[in-house]
Amino acid sequence: MFGFSEEQIAAFGLTFGVGAFMLYMLFIIGQLAWESKAGKFGTFVLFLGLAFGMVGFAAKFLIQWFLTSAL
């Protein structure tokens, strides 16, 4: 498709597509904290609880980048 292989399209979607979706989810969590008037601690708890899975995804990407650049 458009001169790209399936592997290249999947890699692009995984890095940029999921990254953009993660930013959108952070916006939704912030909007939820704002509309509920959660306060500083409540906002922290919302971000910690709802965005914790994103940390694992980002760590996986960084570990892969570090291992491929070190070799």
N, C-alpha and C. Protein backbone atom coordinates (compact mmCIF):
# COMPACT_ATOMS: atom_id res chain seq x y z
N MET A 1 0.84 -1.17 0.00
CA MET A 1 0.00 0.00 0.00
C MET A 1 0.89 1.24 0.00
N PHE A 2 0.80 2.05 -1.03
CA PHE A 2 1.57 3.28 -1.20
C PHE A 2 3.08 3.04 -1.12
N GLY A 3 3.53 1.86 -1.46
CA GLY A 3 4.95 1.55 -1.46
C GLY A 3 5.52 1.16 -0.11
N PHE A 4 4.68 0.97 0.89
CA PHE A 4 5.15 0.57 2.22
C PHE A 4 4.76 -0.87 2.47
N SER A 5 5.60 -1.57 3.22
CA SER A 5 5.27 -2.94 3.57
C SER A 5 4.32 -2.95 4.78
N GLU A 6 3.75 -4.10 5.03
CA GLU A 6 2.83 -4.24 6.16
C GLU A 6 3.56 -4.01 7.48
N GLU A 7 4.81 -4.43 7.53
CA GLU A 7 5.60 -4.25 8.75
C GLU A 7 5.86 -2.77 9.02
N GLN A 8 6.15 -1.99 7.98
CA GLN A 8 6.39 -0.56 8.15
C GLN A 8 5.12 0.17 8.59
N ILE A 9 3.99 -0.20 8.03
CA ILE A 9 2.72 0.44 8.41
C ILE A 9 2.38 0.09 9.86
N ALA A 10 2.60 -1.15 10.25
CA ALA A 10 2.31 -1.57 11.63
C ALA A 10 3.22 -0.86 12.62
N ALA A 11 4.50 -0.71 12.29
CA ALA A 11 5.43 -0.01 13.18
C ALA A 11 5.05 1.46 13.32
N PHE A 12 4.65 2.08 12.22
CA PHE A 12 4.23 3.49 12.27
C PHE A 12 2.97 3.64 13.12
N GLY A 13 2.01 2.76 12.92
CA GLY A 13 0.77 2.84 13.69
C GLY A 13 1.00 2.58 15.16
N LEU A 14 1.92 1.67 15.47
CA LEU A 14 2.18 1.35 16.87
C LEU A 14 2.88 2.49 17.58
N THR A 15 3.80 3.17 16.92
CA THR A 15 4.52 4.24 17.59
C THR A 15 3.72 5.54 17.60
N PHE A 16 3.30 6.01 16.44
CA PHE A 16 2.65 7.31 16.38
C PHE A 16 1.15 7.23 16.65
N GLY A 17 0.49 6.20 16.16
CA GLY A 17 -0.95 6.07 16.37
C GLY A 17 -1.29 5.84 17.84
N VAL A 18 -0.61 4.91 18.46
CA VAL A 18 -0.87 4.63 19.87
C VAL A 18 -0.38 5.78 20.73
N GLY A 19 0.72 6.42 20.33
CA GLY A 19 1.21 7.59 21.07
C GLY A 19 0.21 8.73 21.05
N ALA A 20 -0.39 8.98 19.90
CA ALA A 20 -1.41 10.03 19.80
C ALA A 20 -2.64 9.65 20.62
N PHE A 21 -3.01 8.38 20.60
CA PHE A 21 -4.15 7.92 21.40
C PHE A 21 -3.86 8.08 22.89
N MET A 22 -2.62 7.83 23.31
CA MET A 22 -2.26 8.00 24.71
C MET A 22 -2.35 9.47 25.13
N LEU A 23 -1.91 10.38 24.26
CA LEU A 23 -2.05 11.80 24.57
C LEU A 23 -3.52 12.20 24.69
N TYR A 24 -4.35 11.66 23.83
CA TYR A 24 -5.78 11.94 23.89
C TYR A 24 -6.38 11.40 25.20
N MET A 25 -5.94 10.22 25.63
CA MET A 25 -6.43 9.68 26.90
C MET A 25 -5.99 10.54 28.07
N LEU A 26 -4.77 11.10 28.01
CA LEU A 26 -4.33 12.02 29.07
C LEU A 26 -5.21 13.26 29.10
N PHE A 27 -5.58 13.76 27.93
CA PHE A 27 -6.49 14.90 27.86
C PHE A 27 -7.84 14.55 28.49
N ILE A 28 -8.35 13.36 28.22
CA ILE A 28 -9.63 12.94 28.79
C ILE A 28 -9.54 12.84 30.31
N ILE A 29 -8.44 12.30 30.83
CA ILE A 29 -8.26 12.19 32.28
C ILE A 29 -8.19 13.58 32.90
N GLY A 30 -7.46 14.50 32.27
CA GLY A 30 -7.39 15.87 32.77
C GLY A 30 -8.73 16.56 32.75
N GLN A 31 -9.49 16.34 31.69
CA GLN A 31 -10.83 16.92 31.59
C GLN A 31 -11.74 16.35 32.68
N LEU A 32 -11.62 15.05 32.94
CA LEU A 32 -12.40 14.42 34.00
C LEU A 32 -12.05 15.02 35.36
N ALA A 33 -10.77 15.23 35.62
CA ALA A 33 -10.35 15.83 36.88
C ALA A 33 -10.84 17.27 36.99
N TRP A 34 -10.82 18.01 35.88
CA TRP A 34 -11.26 19.40 35.89
C TRP A 34 -12.76 19.50 36.15
N GLU A 35 -13.55 18.69 35.45
CA GLU A 35 -15.01 18.77 35.59
C GLU A 35 -15.49 18.26 36.94
N SER A 36 -14.76 17.34 37.55
CA SER A 36 -15.18 16.82 38.85
C SER A 36 -14.62 17.66 40.00
N LYS A 37 -13.80 18.67 39.68
CA LYS A 37 -13.17 19.53 40.69
C LYS A 37 -12.45 18.67 41.73
N ALA A 38 -11.57 17.82 41.22
CA ALA A 38 -10.92 16.82 42.06
C ALA A 38 -9.87 17.40 43.00
N GLY A 39 -9.33 18.55 42.71
CA GLY A 39 -8.24 19.08 43.53
C GLY A 39 -6.91 18.48 43.10
N LYS A 40 -5.85 18.91 43.78
CA LYS A 40 -4.52 18.46 43.39
C LYS A 40 -4.31 16.98 43.67
N PHE A 41 -4.68 16.55 44.87
CA PHE A 41 -4.46 15.14 45.22
C PHE A 41 -5.38 14.23 44.41
N GLY A 42 -6.63 14.64 44.24
CA GLY A 42 -7.56 13.85 43.45
C GLY A 42 -7.12 13.73 42.00
N THR A 43 -6.59 14.82 41.45
CA THR A 43 -6.07 14.78 40.08
C THR A 43 -4.88 13.84 39.99
N PHE A 44 -4.02 13.88 41.00
CA PHE A 44 -2.87 12.98 41.04
C PHE A 44 -3.32 11.52 41.07
N VAL A 45 -4.32 11.23 41.90
CA VAL A 45 -4.82 9.86 42.01
C VAL A 45 -5.46 9.42 40.69
N LEU A 46 -6.21 10.31 40.04
CA LEU A 46 -6.81 9.97 38.75
C LEU A 46 -5.73 9.65 37.72
N PHE A 47 -4.73 10.51 37.62
CA PHE A 47 -3.67 10.26 36.66
C PHE A 47 -2.88 9.00 37.01
N LEU A 48 -2.63 8.78 38.28
CA LEU A 48 -1.89 7.59 38.69
C LEU A 48 -2.67 6.32 38.37
N GLY A 49 -3.93 6.31 38.72
CA GLY A 49 -4.73 5.10 38.52
C GLY A 49 -5.08 4.82 37.08
N LEU A 50 -5.45 5.86 36.34
CA LEU A 50 -5.94 5.65 34.99
C LEU A 50 -4.83 5.64 33.94
N ALA A 51 -3.70 6.25 34.23
CA ALA A 51 -2.64 6.35 33.23
C ALA A 51 -1.46 5.44 33.54
N PHE A 52 -1.59 4.57 34.53
CA PHE A 52 -0.45 3.73 34.91
C PHE A 52 -0.06 2.75 33.82
N GLY A 53 -1.02 2.25 33.06
CA GLY A 53 -0.72 1.32 31.98
C GLY A 53 0.09 1.95 30.87
N MET A 54 -0.06 3.26 30.69
CA MET A 54 0.70 3.96 29.65
C MET A 54 2.19 3.99 29.98
N VAL A 55 2.50 3.98 31.26
CA VAL A 55 3.91 3.99 31.67
C VAL A 55 4.60 2.71 31.19
N GLY A 56 3.92 1.58 31.31
CA GLY A 56 4.48 0.32 30.83
C GLY A 56 4.70 0.30 29.33
N PHE A 57 3.76 0.88 28.59
CA PHE A 57 3.91 0.93 27.14
C PHE A 57 5.10 1.82 26.76
N ALA A 58 5.23 2.98 27.41
CA ALA A 58 6.35 3.88 27.12
C ALA A 58 7.67 3.23 27.52
N ALA A 59 7.69 2.53 28.66
CA ALA A 59 8.91 1.86 29.10
C ALA A 59 9.32 0.77 28.11
N LYS A 60 8.34 0.04 27.58
CA LYS A 60 8.63 -0.99 26.59
C LYS A 60 9.27 -0.38 25.35
N PHE A 61 8.74 0.73 24.89
CA PHE A 61 9.28 1.41 23.72
C PHE A 61 10.71 1.90 23.98
N LEU A 62 10.95 2.48 25.16
CA LEU A 62 12.29 2.97 25.49
C LEU A 62 13.29 1.83 25.64
N ILE A 63 12.88 0.73 26.24
CA ILE A 63 13.77 -0.42 26.39
C ILE A 63 14.14 -1.00 25.03
N GLN A 64 13.16 -1.11 24.13
CA GLN A 64 13.44 -1.61 22.78
C GLN A 64 14.39 -0.67 22.05
N TRP A 65 14.17 0.62 22.17
CA TRP A 65 15.03 1.60 21.50
C TRP A 65 16.46 1.51 22.05
N PHE A 66 16.59 1.38 23.38
CA PHE A 66 17.91 1.30 23.99
C PHE A 66 18.64 0.04 23.56
N LEU A 67 17.94 -1.09 23.53
CA LEU A 67 18.59 -2.35 23.16
C LEU A 67 18.98 -2.39 21.69
N THR A 68 18.17 -1.82 20.81
CA THR A 68 18.52 -1.82 19.39
C THR A 68 19.62 -0.82 19.08
N SER A 69 19.68 0.29 19.81
CA SER A 69 20.75 1.26 19.54
C SER A 69 22.07 0.81 20.16
N ALA A 70 22.02 0.00 21.21
CA ALA A 70 23.24 -0.47 21.86
C ALA A 70 23.92 -1.57 21.05
N LEU A 71 23.16 -2.26 20.23
CA LEU A 71 23.74 -3.35 19.44
C LEU A 71 24.32 -2.79 18.23
